């Protein structure tokens, strides 16, 4: 009954985004797909999609969740009225946010700990 979905936009759904927009978007997605799942650029694209899709407000029994994350993302990007440059700018902001977070936190023994500023 339910699609194979995640709580937040998953890494494995990135390839489905590749050909939805213009050349700038396609180049971004293709570059990120070559990077590790935990690379800051990969995390930034996933964060941008979480924000764009509204993943934080998604309920497991909602129509969106039942269809799956990749399908939701496809629909979101098809309906997006902004330009590819606006998407690239949103990605840039997400990348800044990921890097800022990483600069203030570290993973130690599997636990997230805050480092002194």
PDB file of N, CA and C in Angstrom:
ATOM      1  N   UNK A   1       0.827  -1.192   0.000  1.00  0.00           N
ATOM      2  CA  UNK A   1       0.000   0.000   0.000  1.00  0.00           C
ATOM      3  C   UNK A   1       0.871   1.255   0.000  1.00  0.00           C
ATOM      4  N   UNK A   2       1.903   1.303   0.827  1.00  0.00           N
ATOM      5  CA  UNK A   2       2.762   2.480   0.905  1.00  0.00           C
ATOM      6  C   UNK A   2       3.982   2.310   0.012  1.00  0.00           C
ATOM      7  N   UNK A   3       4.395   3.408  -0.581  1.00  0.00           N
ATOM      8  CA  UNK A   3       5.614   3.408  -1.383  1.00  0.00           C
ATOM      9  C   UNK A   3       6.827   3.301  -0.461  1.00  0.00           C
ATOM     10  N   UNK A   4       7.948   2.920  -1.041  1.00  0.00           N
ATOM     11  CA  UNK A   4       9.190   2.881  -0.276  1.00  0.00           C
ATOM     12  C   UNK A   4       9.653   4.322  -0.100  1.00  0.00           C
ATOM     13  N   UNK A   5       9.442   4.870   1.077  1.00  0.00           N
ATOM     14  CA  UNK A   5       9.799   6.276   1.287  1.00  0.00           C
ATOM     15  C   UNK A   5      10.536   6.469   2.597  1.00  0.00           C
ATOM     16  N   UNK A   6      11.030   7.659   2.767  1.00  0.00           N
ATOM     17  CA  UNK A   6      11.856   8.022   3.907  1.00  0.00           C
ATOM     18  C   UNK A   6      11.145   9.113   4.699  1.00  0.00           C
ATOM     19  N   UNK A   7      11.741   9.517   5.817  1.00  0.00           N
ATOM     20  CA  UNK A   7      11.188  10.626   6.579  1.00  0.00           C
ATOM     21  C   UNK A   7      11.569  11.974   5.966  1.00  0.00           C
ATOM     22  N   UNK A   8      12.763  12.034   5.387  1.00  0.00           N
ATOM     23  CA  UNK A   8      13.250  13.236   4.720  1.00  0.00           C
ATOM     24  C   UNK A   8      13.745  12.834   3.341  1.00  0.00           C
ATOM     25  N   UNK A   9      13.976  13.803   2.478  1.00  0.00           N
ATOM     26  CA  UNK A   9      14.376  13.502   1.114  1.00  0.00           C
ATOM     27  C   UNK A   9      15.629  12.617   1.097  1.00  0.00           C
ATOM     28  N   UNK A  10      15.534  11.436   0.487  1.00  0.00           N
ATOM     29  CA  UNK A  10      16.635  10.475   0.539  1.00  0.00           C
ATOM     30  C   UNK A  10      17.649  10.637  -0.600  1.00  0.00           C
ATOM     31  N   UNK A  11      18.846  10.233  -0.331  1.00  0.00           N
ATOM     32  CA  UNK A  11      19.931  10.281  -1.308  1.00  0.00           C
ATOM     33  C   UNK A  11      19.593   9.482  -2.565  1.00  0.00           C
ATOM     34  N   UNK A  12      18.995   8.326  -2.395  1.00  0.00           N
ATOM     35  CA  UNK A  12      18.728   7.463  -3.546  1.00  0.00           C
ATOM     36  C   UNK A  12      17.729   8.058  -4.537  1.00  0.00           C
ATOM     37  N   UNK A  13      17.055   9.136  -4.170  1.00  0.00           N
ATOM     38  CA  UNK A  13      16.096   9.776  -5.077  1.00  0.00           C
ATOM     39  C   UNK A  13      16.746  10.842  -5.962  1.00  0.00           C
ATOM     40  N   UNK A  14      18.006  11.180  -5.718  1.00  0.00           N
ATOM     41  CA  UNK A  14      18.668  12.231  -6.494  1.00  0.00           C
ATOM     42  C   UNK A  14      18.667  11.970  -8.008  1.00  0.00           C
ATOM     43  N   UNK A  15      18.964  10.760  -8.478  1.00  0.00           N
ATOM     44  CA  UNK A  15      18.976  10.557  -9.932  1.00  0.00           C
ATOM     45  C   UNK A  15      17.654  10.878 -10.621  1.00  0.00           C
ATOM     46  N   UNK A  16      16.553  10.754  -9.913  1.00  0.00           N
ATOM     47  CA  UNK A  16      15.245  11.043 -10.528  1.00  0.00           C
ATOM     48  C   UNK A  16      15.057  12.527 -10.825  1.00  0.00           C
ATOM     49  N   UNK A  17      15.909  13.388 -10.260  1.00  0.00           N
ATOM     50  CA  UNK A  17      15.786  14.840 -10.440  1.00  0.00           C
ATOM     51  C   UNK A  17      16.560  15.352 -11.651  1.00  0.00           C
ATOM     52  N   UNK A  18      17.390  14.531 -12.208  1.00  0.00           N
ATOM     53  CA  UNK A  18      18.376  14.953 -13.190  1.00  0.00           C
ATOM     54  C   UNK A  18      17.811  15.715 -14.381  1.00  0.00           C
ATOM     55  N   UNK A  19      16.807  15.237 -15.013  1.00  0.00           N
ATOM     56  CA  UNK A  19      16.350  15.821 -16.279  1.00  0.00           C
ATOM     57  C   UNK A  19      15.063  16.652 -16.165  1.00  0.00           C
ATOM     58  N   UNK A  20      14.797  17.172 -14.981  1.00  0.00           N
ATOM     59  CA  UNK A  20      13.547  17.898 -14.772  1.00  0.00           C
ATOM     60  C   UNK A  20      13.615  19.374 -15.126  1.00  0.00           C
ATOM     61  N   UNK A  21      14.805  19.932 -15.156  1.00  0.00           N
ATOM     62  CA  UNK A  21      14.962  21.357 -15.407  1.00  0.00           C
ATOM     63  C   UNK A  21      15.987  21.552 -16.516  1.00  0.00           C
ATOM     64  N   UNK A  22      16.551  22.735 -16.601  1.00  0.00           N
ATOM     65  CA  UNK A  22      17.489  23.073 -17.655  1.00  0.00           C
ATOM     66  C   UNK A  22      18.901  22.576 -17.418  1.00  0.00           C
ATOM     67  N   UNK A  23      19.829  23.021 -18.270  1.00  0.00           N
ATOM     68  CA  UNK A  23      21.218  22.542 -18.212  1.00  0.00           C
ATOM     69  C   UNK A  23      21.939  22.852 -16.902  1.00  0.00           C
ATOM     70  N   UNK A  24      21.695  24.008 -16.292  1.00  0.00           N
ATOM     71  CA  UNK A  24      22.333  24.334 -15.008  1.00  0.00           C
ATOM     72  C   UNK A  24      21.942  23.322 -13.937  1.00  0.00           C
ATOM     73  N   UNK A  25      20.655  23.055 -13.855  1.00  0.00           N
ATOM     74  CA  UNK A  25      20.137  22.110 -12.867  1.00  0.00           C
ATOM     75  C   UNK A  25      20.680  20.709 -13.141  1.00  0.00           C
ATOM     76  N   UNK A  26      20.646  20.312 -14.397  1.00  0.00           N
ATOM     77  CA  UNK A  26      21.127  18.981 -14.759  1.00  0.00           C
ATOM     78  C   UNK A  26      22.600  18.826 -14.395  1.00  0.00           C
ATOM     79  N   UNK A  27      23.400  19.844 -14.675  1.00  0.00           N
ATOM     80  CA  UNK A  27      24.828  19.785 -14.338  1.00  0.00           C
ATOM     81  C   UNK A  27      25.031  19.673 -12.831  1.00  0.00           C
ATOM     82  N   UNK A  28      24.249  20.416 -12.063  1.00  0.00           N
ATOM     83  CA  UNK A  28      24.353  20.361 -10.607  1.00  0.00           C
ATOM     84  C   UNK A  28      24.038  18.956 -10.098  1.00  0.00           C
ATOM     85  N   UNK A  29      22.910  18.407 -10.523  1.00  0.00           N
ATOM     86  CA  UNK A  29      22.496  17.084 -10.049  1.00  0.00           C
ATOM     87  C   UNK A  29      23.514  16.025 -10.471  1.00  0.00           C
ATOM     88  N   UNK A  30      23.976  16.093 -11.698  1.00  0.00           N
ATOM     89  CA  UNK A  30      24.954  15.102 -12.163  1.00  0.00           C
ATOM     90  C   UNK A  30      26.264  15.199 -11.385  1.00  0.00           C
ATOM     91  N   UNK A  31      26.711  16.413 -11.073  1.00  0.00           N
ATOM     92  CA  UNK A  31      27.938  16.561 -10.289  1.00  0.00           C
ATOM     93  C   UNK A  31      27.743  15.986  -8.883  1.00  0.00           C
ATOM     94  N   UNK A  32      26.639  16.318  -8.260  1.00  0.00           N
ATOM     95  CA  UNK A  32      26.386  15.851  -6.894  1.00  0.00           C
ATOM     96  C   UNK A  32      26.240  14.332  -6.851  1.00  0.00           C
ATOM     97  N   UNK A  33      25.687  13.747  -7.900  1.00  0.00           N
ATOM     98  CA  UNK A  33      25.521  12.289  -7.934  1.00  0.00           C
ATOM     99  C   UNK A  33      26.859  11.552  -7.921  1.00  0.00           C
ATOM    100  N   UNK A  34      27.936  12.218  -8.305  1.00  0.00           N
ATOM    101  CA  UNK A  34      29.249  11.571  -8.312  1.00  0.00           C
ATOM    102  C   UNK A  34      29.925  11.640  -6.943  1.00  0.00           C
ATOM    103  N   UNK A  35      29.356  12.398  -6.037  1.00  0.00           N
ATOM    104  CA  UNK A  35      29.948  12.606  -4.715  1.00  0.00           C
ATOM    105  C   UNK A  35      29.387  11.607  -3.709  1.00  0.00           C
ATOM    106  N   UNK A  36      30.083  11.457  -2.614  1.00  0.00           N
ATOM    107  CA  UNK A  36      29.626  10.575  -1.538  1.00  0.00           C
ATOM    108  C   UNK A  36      28.331  11.110  -0.923  1.00  0.00           C
ATOM    109  N   UNK A  37      27.583  10.214  -0.324  1.00  0.00           N
ATOM    110  CA  UNK A  37      26.306  10.577   0.290  1.00  0.00           C
ATOM    111  C   UNK A  37      26.476  11.596   1.411  1.00  0.00           C
ATOM    112  N   UNK A  38      27.601  11.592   2.104  1.00  0.00           N
ATOM    113  CA  UNK A  38      27.843  12.502   3.230  1.00  0.00           C
ATOM    114  C   UNK A  38      28.661  13.732   2.838  1.00  0.00           C
ATOM    115  N   UNK A  39      28.960  13.899   1.556  1.00  0.00           N
ATOM    116  CA  UNK A  39      29.693  15.084   1.081  1.00  0.00           C
ATOM    117  C   UNK A  39      28.831  16.325   1.312  1.00  0.00           C
ATOM    118  N   UNK A  40      29.463  17.457   1.626  1.00  0.00           N
ATOM    119  CA  UNK A  40      28.690  18.663   1.942  1.00  0.00           C
ATOM    120  C   UNK A  40      27.802  19.110   0.780  1.00  0.00           C
ATOM    121  N   UNK A  41      28.240  18.926  -0.450  1.00  0.00           N
ATOM    122  CA  UNK A  41      27.408  19.322  -1.595  1.00  0.00           C
ATOM    123  C   UNK A  41      26.198  18.405  -1.748  1.00  0.00           C
ATOM    124  N   UNK A  42      26.390  17.123  -1.466  1.00  0.00           N
ATOM    125  CA  UNK A  42      25.270  16.178  -1.513  1.00  0.00           C
ATOM    126  C   UNK A  42      24.256  16.510  -0.431  1.00  0.00           C
ATOM    127  N   UNK A  43      24.754  16.738   0.774  1.00  0.00           N
ATOM    128  CA  UNK A  43      23.859  17.099   1.876  1.00  0.00           C
ATOM    129  C   UNK A  43      23.112  18.396   1.579  1.00  0.00           C
ATOM    130  N   UNK A  44      23.783  19.328   0.929  1.00  0.00           N
ATOM    131  CA  UNK A  44      23.149  20.607   0.597  1.00  0.00           C
ATOM    132  C   UNK A  44      22.010  20.417  -0.401  1.00  0.00           C
ATOM    133  N   UNK A  45      22.214  19.580  -1.412  1.00  0.00           N
ATOM    134  CA  UNK A  45      21.138  19.346  -2.377  1.00  0.00           C
ATOM    135  C   UNK A  45      19.964  18.641  -1.712  1.00  0.00           C
ATOM    136  N   UNK A  46      20.264  17.703  -0.831  1.00  0.00           N
ATOM    137  CA  UNK A  46      19.199  17.023  -0.103  1.00  0.00           C
ATOM    138  C   UNK A  46      18.461  18.005   0.808  1.00  0.00           C
ATOM    139  N   UNK A  47      19.198  18.888   1.500  1.00  0.00           N
ATOM    140  CA  UNK A  47      18.573  19.897   2.356  1.00  0.00           C
ATOM    141  C   UNK A  47      17.697  20.843   1.539  1.00  0.00           C
ATOM    142  N   UNK A  48      18.190  21.262   0.382  1.00  0.00           N
ATOM    143  CA  UNK A  48      17.399  22.145  -0.465  1.00  0.00           C
ATOM    144  C   UNK A  48      16.087  21.465  -0.882  1.00  0.00           C
ATOM    145  N   UNK A  49      16.165  20.185  -1.231  1.00  0.00           N
ATOM    146  CA  UNK A  49      14.957  19.459  -1.620  1.00  0.00           C
ATOM    147  C   UNK A  49      14.024  19.265  -0.432  1.00  0.00           C
ATOM    148  N   UNK A  50      14.572  19.059   0.760  1.00  0.00           N
ATOM    149  CA  UNK A  50      13.737  18.946   1.964  1.00  0.00           C
ATOM    150  C   UNK A  50      12.948  20.234   2.161  1.00  0.00           C
ATOM    151  N   UNK A  51      13.627  21.351   2.001  1.00  0.00           N
ATOM    152  CA  UNK A  51      12.961  22.649   2.152  1.00  0.00           C
ATOM    153  C   UNK A  51      11.930  22.877   1.048  1.00  0.00           C
ATOM    154  N   UNK A  52      12.306  22.592  -0.176  1.00  0.00           N
ATOM    155  CA  UNK A  52      11.424  22.832  -1.314  1.00  0.00           C
ATOM    156  C   UNK A  52      10.190  21.935  -1.278  1.00  0.00           C
ATOM    157  N   UNK A  53      10.396  20.671  -0.935  1.00  0.00           N
ATOM    158  CA  UNK A  53       9.297  19.702  -0.900  1.00  0.00           C
ATOM    159  C   UNK A  53       8.403  19.852   0.325  1.00  0.00           C
ATOM    160  N   UNK A  54       8.914  20.490   1.370  1.00  0.00           N
ATOM    161  CA  UNK A  54       8.160  20.572   2.617  1.00  0.00           C
ATOM    162  C   UNK A  54       8.164  19.246   3.361  1.00  0.00           C
ATOM    163  N   UNK A  55       9.299  18.551   3.317  1.00  0.00           N
ATOM    164  CA  UNK A  55       9.401  17.227   3.934  1.00  0.00           C
ATOM    165  C   UNK A  55       9.106  17.240   5.438  1.00  0.00           C
ATOM    166  N   UNK A  56       9.445  18.321   6.113  1.00  0.00           N
ATOM    167  CA  UNK A  56       9.247  18.359   7.559  1.00  0.00           C
ATOM    168  C   UNK A  56       7.768  18.305   7.939  1.00  0.00           C
ATOM    169  N   UNK A  57       6.906  18.741   7.050  1.00  0.00           N
ATOM    170  CA  UNK A  57       5.473  18.723   7.331  1.00  0.00           C
ATOM    171  C   UNK A  57       4.775  17.489   6.760  1.00  0.00           C
ATOM    172  N   UNK A  58       5.514  16.625   6.094  1.00  0.00           N
ATOM    173  CA  UNK A  58       4.931  15.440   5.469  1.00  0.00           C
ATOM    174  C   UNK A  58       4.551  14.414   6.539  1.00  0.00           C
ATOM    175  N   UNK A  59       3.374  13.878   6.432  1.00  0.00           N
ATOM    176  CA  UNK A  59       2.882  12.856   7.359  1.00  0.00           C
ATOM    177  C   UNK A  59       2.944  11.496   6.681  1.00  0.00           C
ATOM    178  N   UNK A  60       3.268  10.460   7.425  1.00  0.00           N
ATOM    179  CA  UNK A  60       3.422   9.139   6.826  1.00  0.00           C
ATOM    180  C   UNK A  60       2.147   8.609   6.183  1.00  0.00           C
ATOM    181  N   UNK A  61       1.000   9.112   6.613  1.00  0.00           N
ATOM    182  CA  UNK A  61      -0.245   8.641   6.005  1.00  0.00           C
ATOM    183  C   UNK A  61      -0.807   9.626   4.982  1.00  0.00           C
ATOM    184  N   UNK A  62      -0.015  10.603   4.578  1.00  0.00           N
ATOM    185  CA  UNK A  62      -0.473  11.567   3.592  1.00  0.00           C
ATOM    186  C   UNK A  62      -0.365  10.992   2.179  1.00  0.00           C
ATOM    187  N   UNK A  63      -1.071  11.606   1.267  1.00  0.00           N
ATOM    188  CA  UNK A  63      -1.022  11.178  -0.132  1.00  0.00           C
ATOM    189  C   UNK A  63       0.394  11.289  -0.664  1.00  0.00           C
ATOM    190  N   UNK A  64       1.086  12.377  -0.327  1.00  0.00           N
ATOM    191  CA  UNK A  64       2.476  12.558  -0.786  1.00  0.00           C
ATOM    192  C   UNK A  64       3.357  11.419  -0.313  1.00  0.00           C
ATOM    193  N   UNK A  65       3.266  11.079   0.960  1.00  0.00           N
ATOM    194  CA  UNK A  65       4.109  10.018   1.517  1.00  0.00           C
ATOM    195  C   UNK A  65       3.774   8.663   0.904  1.00  0.00           C
ATOM    196  N   UNK A  66       2.515   8.426   0.668  1.00  0.00           N
ATOM    197  CA  UNK A  66       2.118   7.151   0.083  1.00  0.00           C
ATOM    198  C   UNK A  66       2.657   6.984  -1.336  1.00  0.00           C
ATOM    199  N   UNK A  67       2.831   8.092  -2.047  1.00  0.00           N
ATOM    200  CA  UNK A  67       3.372   8.032  -3.411  1.00  0.00           C
ATOM    201  C   UNK A  67       4.886   7.892  -3.414  1.00  0.00           C
ATOM    202  N   UNK A  68       5.561   8.334  -2.364  1.00  0.00           N
ATOM    203  CA  UNK A  68       7.004   8.200  -2.259  1.00  0.00           C
ATOM    204  C   UNK A  68       7.727   9.517  -2.467  1.00  0.00           C
ATOM    205  N   UNK A  69       8.933   9.574  -1.958  1.00  0.00           N
ATOM    206  CA  UNK A  69       9.729  10.803  -1.981  1.00  0.00           C
ATOM    207  C   UNK A  69      10.124  11.230  -3.392  1.00  0.00           C
ATOM    208  N   UNK A  70      10.548  10.284  -4.211  1.00  0.00           N
ATOM    209  CA  UNK A  70      10.976  10.638  -5.569  1.00  0.00           C
ATOM    210  C   UNK A  70       9.807  11.225  -6.360  1.00  0.00           C
ATOM    211  N   UNK A  71       8.644  10.633  -6.257  1.00  0.00           N
ATOM    212  CA  UNK A  71       7.469  11.132  -6.971  1.00  0.00           C
ATOM    213  C   UNK A  71       7.074  12.512  -6.470  1.00  0.00           C
ATOM    214  N   UNK A  72       7.149  12.718  -5.171  1.00  0.00           N
ATOM    215  CA  UNK A  72       6.839  14.024  -4.589  1.00  0.00           C
ATOM    216  C   UNK A  72       7.811  15.075  -5.118  1.00  0.00           C
ATOM    217  N   UNK A  73       9.102  14.735  -5.143  1.00  0.00           N
ATOM    218  CA  UNK A  73      10.117  15.677  -5.624  1.00  0.00           C
ATOM    219  C   UNK A  73       9.921  15.998  -7.102  1.00  0.00           C
ATOM    220  N   UNK A  74       9.583  15.003  -7.897  1.00  0.00           N
ATOM    221  CA  UNK A  74       9.322  15.234  -9.323  1.00  0.00           C
ATOM    222  C   UNK A  74       8.180  16.224  -9.501  1.00  0.00           C
ATOM    223  N   UNK A  75       7.112  16.012  -8.770  1.00  0.00           N
ATOM    224  CA  UNK A  75       5.955  16.901  -8.858  1.00  0.00           C
ATOM    225  C   UNK A  75       6.316  18.308  -8.382  1.00  0.00           C
ATOM    226  N   UNK A  76       7.062  18.407  -7.311  1.00  0.00           N
ATOM    227  CA  UNK A  76       7.456  19.713  -6.780  1.00  0.00           C
ATOM    228  C   UNK A  76       8.285  20.486  -7.795  1.00  0.00           C
ATOM    229  N   UNK A  77       9.267  19.828  -8.392  1.00  0.00           N
ATOM    230  CA  UNK A  77      10.125  20.515  -9.362  1.00  0.00           C
ATOM    231  C   UNK A  77       9.381  20.856 -10.652  1.00  0.00           C
ATOM    232  N   UNK A  78       8.446  20.029 -11.058  1.00  0.00           N
ATOM    233  CA  UNK A  78       7.641  20.347 -12.249  1.00  0.00           C
ATOM    234  C   UNK A  78       6.744  21.558 -12.005  1.00  0.00           C
ATOM    235  N   UNK A  79       6.244  21.685 -10.795  1.00  0.00           N
ATOM    236  CA  UNK A  79       5.344  22.793 -10.464  1.00  0.00           C
ATOM    237  C   UNK A  79       6.082  24.071 -10.065  1.00  0.00           C
ATOM    238  N   UNK A  80       7.379  23.971  -9.813  1.00  0.00           N
ATOM    239  CA  UNK A  80       8.155  25.113  -9.349  1.00  0.00           C
ATOM    240  C   UNK A  80       8.142  26.214 -10.406  1.00  0.00           C
ATOM    241  N   UNK A  81       7.732  27.397 -10.022  1.00  0.00           N
ATOM    242  CA  UNK A  81       7.586  28.517 -10.961  1.00  0.00           C
ATOM    243  C   UNK A  81       8.853  29.352 -11.100  1.00  0.00           C
ATOM    244  N   UNK A  82       9.795  29.185 -10.201  1.00  0.00           N
ATOM    245  CA  UNK A  82      11.032  29.948 -10.266  1.00  0.00           C
ATOM    246  C   UNK A  82      11.953  29.445 -11.369  1.00  0.00           C
ATOM    247  N   UNK A  83      13.014  30.195 -11.593  1.00  0.00           N
ATOM    248  CA  UNK A  83      13.989  29.841 -12.626  1.00  0.00           C
ATOM    249  C   UNK A  83      14.983  28.814 -12.075  1.00  0.00           C
ATOM    250  N   UNK A  84      15.753  28.249 -12.980  1.00  0.00           N
ATOM    251  CA  UNK A  84      16.823  27.352 -12.558  1.00  0.00           C
ATOM    252  C   UNK A  84      17.829  28.107 -11.699  1.00  0.00           C
ATOM    253  N   UNK A  85      18.063  29.367 -12.023  1.00  0.00           N
ATOM    254  CA  UNK A  85      19.004  30.158 -11.232  1.00  0.00           C
ATOM    255  C   UNK A  85      18.516  30.301  -9.795  1.00  0.00           C
ATOM    256  N   UNK A  86      17.203  30.432  -9.607  1.00  0.00           N
ATOM    257  CA  UNK A  86      16.658  30.500  -8.245  1.00  0.00           C
ATOM    258  C   UNK A  86      16.871  29.180  -7.503  1.00  0.00           C
ATOM    259  N   UNK A  87      16.754  28.066  -8.210  1.00  0.00           N
ATOM    260  CA  UNK A  87      17.039  26.771  -7.594  1.00  0.00           C
ATOM    261  C   UNK A  87      18.518  26.665  -7.230  1.00  0.00           C
ATOM    262  N   UNK A  88      19.390  27.115  -8.124  1.00  0.00           N
ATOM    263  CA  UNK A  88      20.829  27.087  -7.868  1.00  0.00           C
ATOM    264  C   UNK A  88      21.156  27.981  -6.670  1.00  0.00           C
ATOM    265  N   UNK A  89      20.492  29.137  -6.585  1.00  0.00           N
ATOM    266  CA  UNK A  89      20.694  30.035  -5.445  1.00  0.00           C
ATOM    267  C   UNK A  89      20.230  29.384  -4.141  1.00  0.00           C
ATOM    268  N   UNK A  90      19.091  28.682  -4.183  1.00  0.00           N
ATOM    269  CA  UNK A  90      18.594  27.974  -2.994  1.00  0.00           C
ATOM    270  C   UNK A  90      19.573  26.877  -2.592  1.00  0.00           C
ATOM    271  N   UNK A  91      20.145  26.206  -3.583  1.00  0.00           N
ATOM    272  CA  UNK A  91      21.178  25.208  -3.310  1.00  0.00           C
ATOM    273  C   UNK A  91      22.392  25.871  -2.658  1.00  0.00           C
ATOM    274  N   UNK A  92      22.799  27.017  -3.162  1.00  0.00           N
ATOM    275  CA  UNK A  92      23.931  27.748  -2.591  1.00  0.00           C
ATOM    276  C   UNK A  92      23.692  28.116  -1.137  1.00  0.00           C
ATOM    277  N   UNK A  93      22.467  28.529  -0.823  1.00  0.00           N
ATOM    278  CA  UNK A  93      22.130  28.850   0.564  1.00  0.00           C
ATOM    279  C   UNK A  93      22.180  27.597   1.429  1.00  0.00           C
ATOM    280  N   UNK A  94      21.659  26.491   0.910  1.00  0.00           N
ATOM    281  CA  UNK A  94      21.705  25.236   1.663  1.00  0.00           C
ATOM    282  C   UNK A  94      23.146  24.783   1.879  1.00  0.00           C
ATOM    283  N   UNK A  95      24.000  24.984   0.867  1.00  0.00           N
ATOM    284  CA  UNK A  95      25.410  24.619   0.999  1.00  0.00           C
ATOM    285  C   UNK A  95      26.080  25.463   2.079  1.00  0.00           C
ATOM    286  N   UNK A  96      25.779  26.745   2.094  1.00  0.00           N
ATOM    287  CA  UNK A  96      26.306  27.614   3.157  1.00  0.00           C
ATOM    288  C   UNK A  96      25.840  27.131   4.525  1.00  0.00           C
ATOM    289  N   UNK A  97      24.563  26.756   4.633  1.00  0.00           N
ATOM    290  CA  UNK A  97      24.012  26.288   5.901  1.00  0.00           C
ATOM    291  C   UNK A  97      24.685  24.990   6.355  1.00  0.00           C
ATOM    292  N   UNK A  98      24.894  24.064   5.423  1.00  0.00           N
ATOM    293  CA  UNK A  98      25.546  22.796   5.756  1.00  0.00           C
ATOM    294  C   UNK A  98      26.974  23.057   6.229  1.00  0.00           C
ATOM    295  N   UNK A  99      27.687  23.898   5.515  1.00  0.00           N
ATOM    296  CA  UNK A  99      29.077  24.185   5.883  1.00  0.00           C
ATOM    297  C   UNK A  99      29.168  24.917   7.215  1.00  0.00           C
ATOM    298  N   UNK A 100      28.242  25.816   7.463  1.00  0.00           N
ATOM    299  CA  UNK A 100      28.228  26.529   8.739  1.00  0.00           C
ATOM    300  C   UNK A 100      27.950  25.551   9.883  1.00  0.00           C
ATOM    301  N   UNK A 101      27.000  24.667   9.681  1.00  0.00           N
ATOM    302  CA  UNK A 101      26.692  23.662  10.695  1.00  0.00           C
ATOM    303  C   UNK A 101      27.917  22.780  10.951  1.00  0.00           C
ATOM    304  N   UNK A 102      28.549  22.327   9.875  1.00  0.00           N
ATOM    305  CA  UNK A 102      29.716  21.447  10.015  1.00  0.00           C
ATOM    306  C   UNK A 102      30.865  22.138  10.714  1.00  0.00           C
ATOM    307  N   UNK A 103      30.991  23.437  10.510  1.00  0.00           N
ATOM    308  CA  UNK A 103      32.076  24.178  11.152  1.00  0.00           C
ATOM    309  C   UNK A 103      31.893  24.256  12.667  1.00  0.00           C
ATOM    310  N   UNK A 104      30.674  24.109  13.133  1.00  0.00           N
ATOM    311  CA  UNK A 104      30.394  24.232  14.566  1.00  0.00           C
ATOM    312  C   UNK A 104      30.106  22.899  15.254  1.00  0.00           C
ATOM    313  N   UNK A 105      30.115  21.808  14.497  1.00  0.00           N
ATOM    314  CA  UNK A 105      29.806  20.497  15.058  1.00  0.00           C
ATOM    315  C   UNK A 105      30.788  19.469  14.515  1.00  0.00           C
ATOM    316  N   UNK A 106      30.954  18.416  15.245  1.00  0.00           N
ATOM    317  CA  UNK A 106      31.767  17.304  14.752  1.00  0.00           C
ATOM    318  C   UNK A 106      31.118  15.999  15.171  1.00  0.00           C
ATOM    319  N   UNK A 107      31.422  14.974  14.414  1.00  0.00           N
ATOM    320  CA  UNK A 107      30.914  13.639  14.743  1.00  0.00           C
ATOM    321  C   UNK A 107      32.027  12.915  15.502  1.00  0.00           C
ATOM    322  N   UNK A 108      31.724  12.533  16.738  1.00  0.00           N
ATOM    323  CA  UNK A 108      32.705  11.814  17.544  1.00  0.00           C
ATOM    324  C   UNK A 108      32.033  10.590  18.131  1.00  0.00           C
ATOM    325  N   UNK A 109      32.589   9.423  17.826  1.00  0.00           N
ATOM    326  CA  UNK A 109      32.046   8.165  18.319  1.00  0.00           C
ATOM    327  C   UNK A 109      30.565   7.999  17.982  1.00  0.00           C
ATOM    328  N   UNK A 110      30.181   8.473  16.807  1.00  0.00           N
ATOM    329  CA  UNK A 110      28.798   8.308  16.379  1.00  0.00           C
ATOM    330  C   UNK A 110      27.815   9.280  17.000  1.00  0.00           C
ATOM    331  N   UNK A 111      28.286  10.193  17.839  1.00  0.00           N
ATOM    332  CA  UNK A 111      27.394  11.151  18.493  1.00  0.00           C
ATOM    333  C   UNK A 111      27.713  12.566  18.015  1.00  0.00           C
ATOM    334  N   UNK A 112      26.712  13.377  17.803  1.00  0.00           N
ATOM    335  CA  UNK A 112      26.894  14.760  17.416  1.00  0.00           C
ATOM    336  C   UNK A 112      27.223  15.561  18.673  1.00  0.00           C
ATOM    337  N   UNK A 113      28.349  16.256  18.651  1.00  0.00           N
ATOM    338  CA  UNK A 113      28.742  17.077  19.796  1.00  0.00           C
ATOM    339  C   UNK A 113      29.062  18.477  19.314  1.00  0.00           C
ATOM    340  N   UNK A 114      28.723  19.450  20.116  1.00  0.00           N
ATOM    341  CA  UNK A 114      29.008  20.834  19.776  1.00  0.00           C
ATOM    342  C   UNK A 114      30.401  21.180  20.251  1.00  0.00           C
ATOM    343  N   UNK A 115      31.172  21.788  19.360  1.00  0.00           N
ATOM    344  CA  UNK A 115      32.518  22.234  19.723  1.00  0.00           C
ATOM    345  C   UNK A 115      32.439  23.649  20.259  1.00  0.00           C
ATOM    346  N   UNK A 116      33.344  24.020  21.160  1.00  0.00           N
ATOM    347  CA  UNK A 116      33.349  25.381  21.680  1.00  0.00           C
ATOM    348  C   UNK A 116      33.609  26.380  20.569  1.00  0.00           C
ATOM    349  N   UNK A 117      32.946  27.516  20.618  1.00  0.00           N
ATOM    350  CA  UNK A 117      33.099  28.543  19.574  1.00  0.00           C
ATOM    351  C   UNK A 117      34.298  29.401  19.812  1.00  0.00           C
TER     352      UNK A 117
END
